[in-house]
Amino acid sequence: MHAPMFPIPPRIRMLKSLRGKNYKWIMPGHVMPMGPEFFDKAIQYYETTLKIIGESPDVKTANEKLIKAYPRYGGTFLLDLFLPAFYKNK
């Protein structure tokens, strides 16, 4: 599910910290429990999101690129809610 919540860098740091705790099961919310691979997937999503936002001139372009990068992720309407926060000072 798409959920690029602002600010991303602290989220990446938190996920990397949690990844190091060797949890066997993670309850990420709105999906079934996952193993520790959740952390790598979430970190990759947030890093890709930052890259796409940095390369995209506007919300519409970033939205399209994120959907293309993660076509199986649901909640695309959340991109319309969250992405504008990244473009307020751009």
N, C-alpha and C. Protein backbone atom coordinates (compact mmCIF):
# COMPACT_ATOMS: atom_id res chain seq x y z
N MET A 1 0.84 -1.18 0.00
CA MET A 1 0.00 0.00 0.00
C MET A 1 0.89 1.24 0.00
N HIS A 2 0.55 2.19 -0.84
CA HIS A 2 1.29 3.44 -0.91
C HIS A 2 1.04 4.27 0.34
N ALA A 3 2.12 4.75 0.96
CA ALA A 3 1.98 5.63 2.12
C ALA A 3 3.27 6.42 2.32
N PRO A 4 3.60 7.29 1.36
CA PRO A 4 4.84 8.06 1.48
C PRO A 4 4.66 9.24 2.45
N MET A 5 4.73 8.95 3.74
CA MET A 5 4.49 10.00 4.73
C MET A 5 5.74 10.83 4.99
N PHE A 6 5.54 12.11 5.10
CA PHE A 6 6.59 13.10 5.32
C PHE A 6 6.93 13.13 6.81
N PRO A 7 8.16 13.24 7.22
CA PRO A 7 9.40 13.22 6.45
C PRO A 7 9.94 11.80 6.33
N ILE A 8 10.56 11.51 5.22
CA ILE A 8 11.01 10.15 4.93
C ILE A 8 12.35 9.78 5.59
N PRO A 9 13.37 10.63 5.57
CA PRO A 9 14.67 10.20 6.13
C PRO A 9 14.60 9.65 7.56
N PRO A 10 13.84 10.27 8.48
CA PRO A 10 13.75 9.67 9.82
C PRO A 10 13.07 8.30 9.81
N ARG A 11 12.14 8.10 8.91
CA ARG A 11 11.47 6.80 8.80
C ARG A 11 12.46 5.74 8.35
N ILE A 12 13.30 6.08 7.39
CA ILE A 12 14.31 5.13 6.92
C ILE A 12 15.27 4.78 8.07
N ARG A 13 15.71 5.78 8.82
CA ARG A 13 16.60 5.51 9.95
C ARG A 13 15.93 4.60 10.98
N MET A 14 14.66 4.85 11.26
CA MET A 14 13.93 4.02 12.23
C MET A 14 13.81 2.58 11.74
N LEU A 15 13.47 2.42 10.46
CA LEU A 15 13.33 1.07 9.90
C LEU A 15 14.67 0.32 9.94
N LYS A 16 15.76 1.01 9.64
CA LYS A 16 17.07 0.36 9.69
C LYS A 16 17.42 -0.04 11.11
N SER A 17 17.05 0.78 12.06
CA SER A 17 17.29 0.45 13.47
C SER A 17 16.48 -0.77 13.89
N LEU A 18 15.21 -0.80 13.52
CA LEU A 18 14.35 -1.93 13.86
C LEU A 18 14.80 -3.21 13.16
N ARG A 19 15.28 -3.07 11.93
CA ARG A 19 15.77 -4.23 11.18
C ARG A 19 16.88 -4.94 11.95
N GLY A 20 17.69 -4.18 12.65
CA GLY A 20 18.81 -4.75 13.39
C GLY A 20 18.41 -5.49 14.66
N LYS A 21 17.14 -5.48 15.02
CA LYS A 21 16.69 -6.13 16.26
C LYS A 21 16.30 -7.59 16.05
N ASN A 22 16.37 -8.08 14.82
CA ASN A 22 16.11 -9.49 14.50
C ASN A 22 14.73 -9.99 14.93
N TYR A 23 13.71 -9.18 14.69
CA TYR A 23 12.34 -9.63 14.95
C TYR A 23 11.99 -10.75 13.98
N LYS A 24 11.20 -11.71 14.46
CA LYS A 24 10.78 -12.82 13.59
C LYS A 24 9.48 -12.49 12.84
N TRP A 25 8.60 -11.72 13.48
CA TRP A 25 7.33 -11.33 12.87
C TRP A 25 7.11 -9.84 13.03
N ILE A 26 6.56 -9.22 11.98
CA ILE A 26 6.27 -7.80 12.00
C ILE A 26 4.80 -7.63 11.64
N MET A 27 4.12 -6.76 12.36
CA MET A 27 2.71 -6.44 12.08
C MET A 27 2.68 -5.04 11.47
N PRO A 28 2.88 -4.92 10.15
CA PRO A 28 3.00 -3.59 9.53
C PRO A 28 1.70 -2.80 9.47
N GLY A 29 0.59 -3.41 9.65
CA GLY A 29 -0.69 -2.70 9.59
C GLY A 29 -1.32 -2.80 8.22
N HIS A 30 -2.59 -3.11 8.19
CA HIS A 30 -3.40 -3.21 6.97
C HIS A 30 -2.99 -4.36 6.05
N VAL A 31 -2.04 -5.18 6.47
CA VAL A 31 -1.66 -6.38 5.70
C VAL A 31 -1.39 -7.51 6.70
N MET A 32 -1.21 -8.68 6.16
CA MET A 32 -0.91 -9.84 7.00
C MET A 32 0.47 -9.67 7.65
N PRO A 33 0.68 -10.34 8.78
CA PRO A 33 2.01 -10.29 9.40
C PRO A 33 3.09 -10.75 8.42
N MET A 34 4.26 -10.17 8.55
CA MET A 34 5.37 -10.48 7.66
C MET A 34 6.60 -10.81 8.50
N GLY A 35 7.57 -11.38 7.83
CA GLY A 35 8.85 -11.64 8.48
C GLY A 35 9.73 -10.41 8.38
N PRO A 36 10.99 -10.56 8.75
CA PRO A 36 11.91 -9.43 8.75
C PRO A 36 12.17 -8.82 7.37
N GLU A 37 11.76 -9.50 6.31
CA GLU A 37 11.91 -8.93 4.96
C GLU A 37 11.10 -7.65 4.81
N PHE A 38 10.12 -7.45 5.70
CA PHE A 38 9.32 -6.23 5.67
C PHE A 38 10.22 -4.99 5.71
N PHE A 39 11.23 -5.01 6.57
CA PHE A 39 12.08 -3.84 6.73
C PHE A 39 12.79 -3.49 5.43
N ASP A 40 13.35 -4.48 4.74
CA ASP A 40 14.03 -4.21 3.48
C ASP A 40 13.07 -3.67 2.43
N LYS A 41 11.86 -4.24 2.37
CA LYS A 41 10.87 -3.76 1.40
C LYS A 41 10.45 -2.32 1.70
N ALA A 42 10.23 -2.02 2.97
CA ALA A 42 9.81 -0.66 3.36
C ALA A 42 10.92 0.34 3.11
N ILE A 43 12.15 -0.02 3.44
CA ILE A 43 13.29 0.88 3.21
C ILE A 43 13.45 1.14 1.72
N GLN A 44 13.35 0.10 0.91
CA GLN A 44 13.47 0.27 -0.54
C GLN A 44 12.36 1.19 -1.06
N TYR A 45 11.13 0.99 -0.57
CA TYR A 45 10.01 1.83 -1.01
C TYR A 45 10.29 3.30 -0.68
N TYR A 46 10.71 3.57 0.55
CA TYR A 46 10.95 4.96 0.94
C TYR A 46 12.14 5.56 0.19
N GLU A 47 13.19 4.79 -0.04
CA GLU A 47 14.34 5.31 -0.80
C GLU A 47 13.96 5.59 -2.24
N THR A 48 13.17 4.70 -2.83
CA THR A 48 12.70 4.91 -4.21
C THR A 48 11.78 6.13 -4.26
N THR A 49 10.93 6.28 -3.26
CA THR A 49 10.03 7.43 -3.21
C THR A 49 10.82 8.73 -3.15
N LEU A 50 11.84 8.79 -2.30
CA LEU A 50 12.68 10.00 -2.23
C LEU A 50 13.32 10.30 -3.58
N LYS A 51 13.83 9.27 -4.23
CA LYS A 51 14.48 9.46 -5.54
C LYS A 51 13.48 9.99 -6.57
N ILE A 52 12.31 9.39 -6.60
CA ILE A 52 11.28 9.81 -7.56
C ILE A 52 10.84 11.25 -7.28
N ILE A 53 10.64 11.59 -6.03
CA ILE A 53 10.24 12.96 -5.69
C ILE A 53 11.34 13.94 -6.10
N GLY A 54 12.59 13.57 -5.86
CA GLY A 54 13.71 14.43 -6.23
C GLY A 54 13.83 14.65 -7.72
N GLU A 55 13.44 13.67 -8.50
CA GLU A 55 13.55 13.75 -9.97
C GLU A 55 12.29 14.30 -10.63
N SER A 56 11.19 14.39 -9.90
CA SER A 56 9.91 14.78 -10.49
C SER A 56 9.61 16.25 -10.22
N PRO A 57 9.20 16.98 -11.25
CA PRO A 57 8.94 18.41 -11.07
C PRO A 57 7.65 18.73 -10.34
N ASP A 58 6.73 17.74 -10.27
CA ASP A 58 5.44 18.03 -9.64
C ASP A 58 4.82 16.75 -9.08
N VAL A 59 3.74 16.94 -8.35
CA VAL A 59 3.03 15.82 -7.70
C VAL A 59 2.52 14.82 -8.73
N LYS A 60 1.96 15.31 -9.81
CA LYS A 60 1.38 14.42 -10.83
C LYS A 60 2.44 13.47 -11.39
N THR A 61 3.61 14.01 -11.71
CA THR A 61 4.68 13.18 -12.26
C THR A 61 5.16 12.16 -11.24
N ALA A 62 5.34 12.60 -9.99
CA ALA A 62 5.78 11.68 -8.94
C ALA A 62 4.74 10.59 -8.72
N ASN A 63 3.49 10.95 -8.72
CA ASN A 63 2.40 10.00 -8.56
C ASN A 63 2.47 8.92 -9.64
N GLU A 64 2.59 9.34 -10.88
CA GLU A 64 2.65 8.39 -12.01
C GLU A 64 3.86 7.47 -11.90
N LYS A 65 5.01 8.03 -11.53
CA LYS A 65 6.23 7.22 -11.43
C LYS A 65 6.15 6.22 -10.28
N LEU A 66 5.55 6.61 -9.15
CA LEU A 66 5.42 5.68 -8.03
C LEU A 66 4.47 4.54 -8.37
N ILE A 67 3.39 4.84 -9.04
CA ILE A 67 2.45 3.79 -9.45
C ILE A 67 3.13 2.85 -10.44
N LYS A 68 3.93 3.39 -11.32
CA LYS A 68 4.66 2.55 -12.28
C LYS A 68 5.71 1.70 -11.57
N ALA A 69 6.40 2.27 -10.58
CA ALA A 69 7.44 1.54 -9.85
C ALA A 69 6.85 0.45 -8.96
N TYR A 70 5.63 0.67 -8.46
CA TYR A 70 4.99 -0.28 -7.54
C TYR A 70 3.55 -0.55 -8.00
N PRO A 71 3.39 -1.21 -9.16
CA PRO A 71 2.05 -1.39 -9.73
C PRO A 71 1.13 -2.28 -8.90
N ARG A 72 1.68 -3.09 -8.03
CA ARG A 72 0.85 -4.00 -7.23
C ARG A 72 0.44 -3.40 -5.90
N TYR A 73 0.95 -2.22 -5.59
CA TYR A 73 0.60 -1.57 -4.32
C TYR A 73 -0.77 -0.93 -4.45
N GLY A 74 -1.59 -1.12 -3.45
CA GLY A 74 -2.91 -0.50 -3.42
C GLY A 74 -2.84 0.88 -2.78
N GLY A 75 -3.98 1.45 -2.60
CA GLY A 75 -4.06 2.74 -1.92
C GLY A 75 -3.46 3.89 -2.71
N THR A 76 -3.58 3.84 -4.04
CA THR A 76 -2.98 4.91 -4.84
C THR A 76 -3.60 6.28 -4.52
N PHE A 77 -4.82 6.29 -3.99
CA PHE A 77 -5.44 7.56 -3.59
C PHE A 77 -4.63 8.24 -2.49
N LEU A 78 -3.87 7.46 -1.72
CA LEU A 78 -3.05 8.05 -0.65
C LEU A 78 -1.93 8.91 -1.22
N LEU A 79 -1.50 8.62 -2.43
CA LEU A 79 -0.47 9.45 -3.06
C LEU A 79 -0.98 10.88 -3.23
N ASP A 80 -2.24 11.02 -3.58
CA ASP A 80 -2.82 12.36 -3.73
C ASP A 80 -2.85 13.11 -2.40
N LEU A 81 -2.95 12.38 -1.31
CA LEU A 81 -2.98 13.00 0.02
C LEU A 81 -1.59 13.33 0.55
N PHE A 82 -0.64 12.43 0.36
CA PHE A 82 0.68 12.57 0.97
C PHE A 82 1.71 13.33 0.12
N LEU A 83 1.71 13.13 -1.19
CA LEU A 83 2.76 13.72 -2.03
C LEU A 83 2.80 15.26 -2.01
N PRO A 84 1.68 15.97 -1.94
CA PRO A 84 1.78 17.43 -1.95
C PRO A 84 2.66 18.00 -0.84
N ALA A 85 2.76 17.34 0.29
CA ALA A 85 3.61 17.83 1.39
C ALA A 85 5.08 17.93 0.96
N PHE A 86 5.50 17.10 0.03
CA PHE A 86 6.88 17.10 -0.43
C PHE A 86 7.16 18.23 -1.41
N TYR A 87 6.11 18.85 -1.93
CA TYR A 87 6.28 19.89 -2.95
C TYR A 87 5.94 21.28 -2.45
N LYS A 88 5.66 21.44 -1.18
CA LYS A 88 5.32 22.76 -0.65
C LYS A 88 6.44 23.77 -0.82
N ASN A 89 7.67 23.35 -0.64
CA ASN A 89 8.83 24.26 -0.72
C ASN A 89 9.69 24.00 -1.93
N LYS A 90 9.19 23.25 -2.88
CA LYS A 90 9.98 22.93 -4.08
C LYS A 90 9.83 23.99 -5.14
